[in-house]
Amino acid sequence: MSGVNSGVFTGSGFTTNPYSGQLDANGWATTGLSDTSKGFGTSNTSGDHARGLISGGVSTGGLNSFDLSIGNRALGFQTNWK
């Protein structure tokens, strides 16, 4: 969706003035993460909201950037539910 990210997402969180790799906090909100909910316009660049770039399986819940192939990434949500 146009205007909700800055460059290819790297799993580095949300800010209202994103640099390359971040999501625009004005276009995203979250609920249900252990690091609390994040409303629209609320920056968060750590913890569950910024789990980073992952190339394989994950064990910690949160938002990740999954490396599918060189230059091809996907936004991912990992739950802690078992």
Protein backbone atom coordinates (compact mmCIF):
# COMPACT_ATOMS: atom_id res chain seq x y z
CA MET A 1 0.00 0.00 0.00
CA SER A 2 1.49 3.31 -1.05
CA GLY A 3 2.73 5.67 1.65
CA VAL A 4 2.91 3.30 4.63
CA ASN A 5 6.56 2.33 4.42
CA SER A 6 9.93 3.79 3.52
CA GLY A 7 11.82 1.43 1.25
CA VAL A 8 11.98 -2.33 1.79
CA PHE A 9 10.86 -3.20 5.35
CA THR A 10 13.77 -4.38 7.52
CA GLY A 11 11.81 -5.14 10.69
CA SER A 12 13.10 -1.97 12.38
CA GLY A 13 9.77 -0.68 13.65
CA PHE A 14 7.37 2.21 13.16
CA THR A 15 8.00 5.97 13.22
CA THR A 16 6.03 9.00 12.09
CA ASN A 17 9.00 10.09 9.96
CA PRO A 18 10.38 6.70 8.80
CA TYR A 19 13.83 6.17 7.37
CA SER A 20 14.47 3.45 4.82
CA GLY A 21 13.35 0.09 6.18
CA GLN A 22 10.76 1.36 8.65
CA LEU A 23 6.98 1.53 8.50
CA ASP A 24 5.10 4.83 8.73
CA ALA A 25 3.42 4.87 12.15
CA ASN A 26 0.59 7.00 10.72
CA GLY A 27 -0.45 4.06 8.50
CA TRP A 28 -0.18 1.17 10.98
CA ALA A 29 -1.66 0.19 14.36
CA THR A 30 -1.24 -3.04 16.33
CA THR A 31 -2.97 -4.85 19.17
CA GLY A 32 -2.24 -8.06 21.02
CA LEU A 33 1.55 -7.84 21.24
CA SER A 34 3.24 -8.31 24.63
CA ASP A 35 4.94 -4.90 24.28
CA THR A 36 1.47 -3.27 24.35
CA SER A 37 -0.70 -2.03 21.54
CA LYS A 38 0.46 0.72 19.18
CA GLY A 39 -2.11 3.20 17.92
CA PHE A 40 -1.91 5.09 14.63
CA GLY A 41 0.75 7.80 14.87
CA THR A 42 2.62 6.12 17.73
CA SER A 43 6.30 5.37 17.11
CA ASN A 44 7.87 2.14 18.34
CA THR A 45 11.29 0.96 17.19
CA SER A 46 12.06 -1.78 19.72
CA GLY A 47 10.74 -5.01 21.17
CA ASP A 48 7.82 -6.81 19.50
CA HIS A 49 7.34 -3.99 16.99
CA ALA A 50 10.88 -4.28 15.60
CA ARG A 51 12.11 -7.89 15.60
CA GLY A 52 14.39 -7.32 12.60
CA LEU A 53 15.28 -9.23 9.45
CA ILE A 54 14.87 -13.02 9.69
CA SER A 55 16.03 -15.58 7.14
CA GLY A 56 14.69 -18.68 8.87
CA GLY A 57 12.36 -19.77 11.65
CA VAL A 58 11.68 -17.52 14.63
CA SER A 59 10.81 -18.26 18.23
CA THR A 60 10.02 -14.79 19.60
CA GLY A 61 6.68 -13.18 18.81
CA GLY A 62 6.45 -9.84 17.04
CA LEU A 63 6.83 -8.16 13.65
CA ASN A 64 9.64 -9.29 11.39
CA SER A 65 10.94 -8.80 7.90
CA PHE A 66 11.37 -12.24 6.34
CA ASP A 67 14.12 -12.60 3.73
CA LEU A 68 12.49 -14.69 0.98
CA SER A 69 15.31 -14.26 -1.56
CA ILE A 70 17.81 -11.55 -2.48
CA GLY A 71 15.89 -8.28 -2.60
CA ASN A 72 12.55 -9.99 -1.88
CA ARG A 73 11.17 -9.53 1.64
CA ALA A 74 7.84 -10.02 3.37
CA LEU A 75 6.30 -8.41 6.43
CA GLY A 76 5.70 -11.17 8.97
CA PHE A 77 3.81 -11.56 12.23
CA GLN A 78 5.07 -14.28 14.57
CA THR A 79 2.77 -15.29 17.43
CA ASN A 80 3.82 -16.77 20.77
CA TRP A 81 0.78 -19.06 20.85
CA LYS A 82 1.55 -22.73 21.22
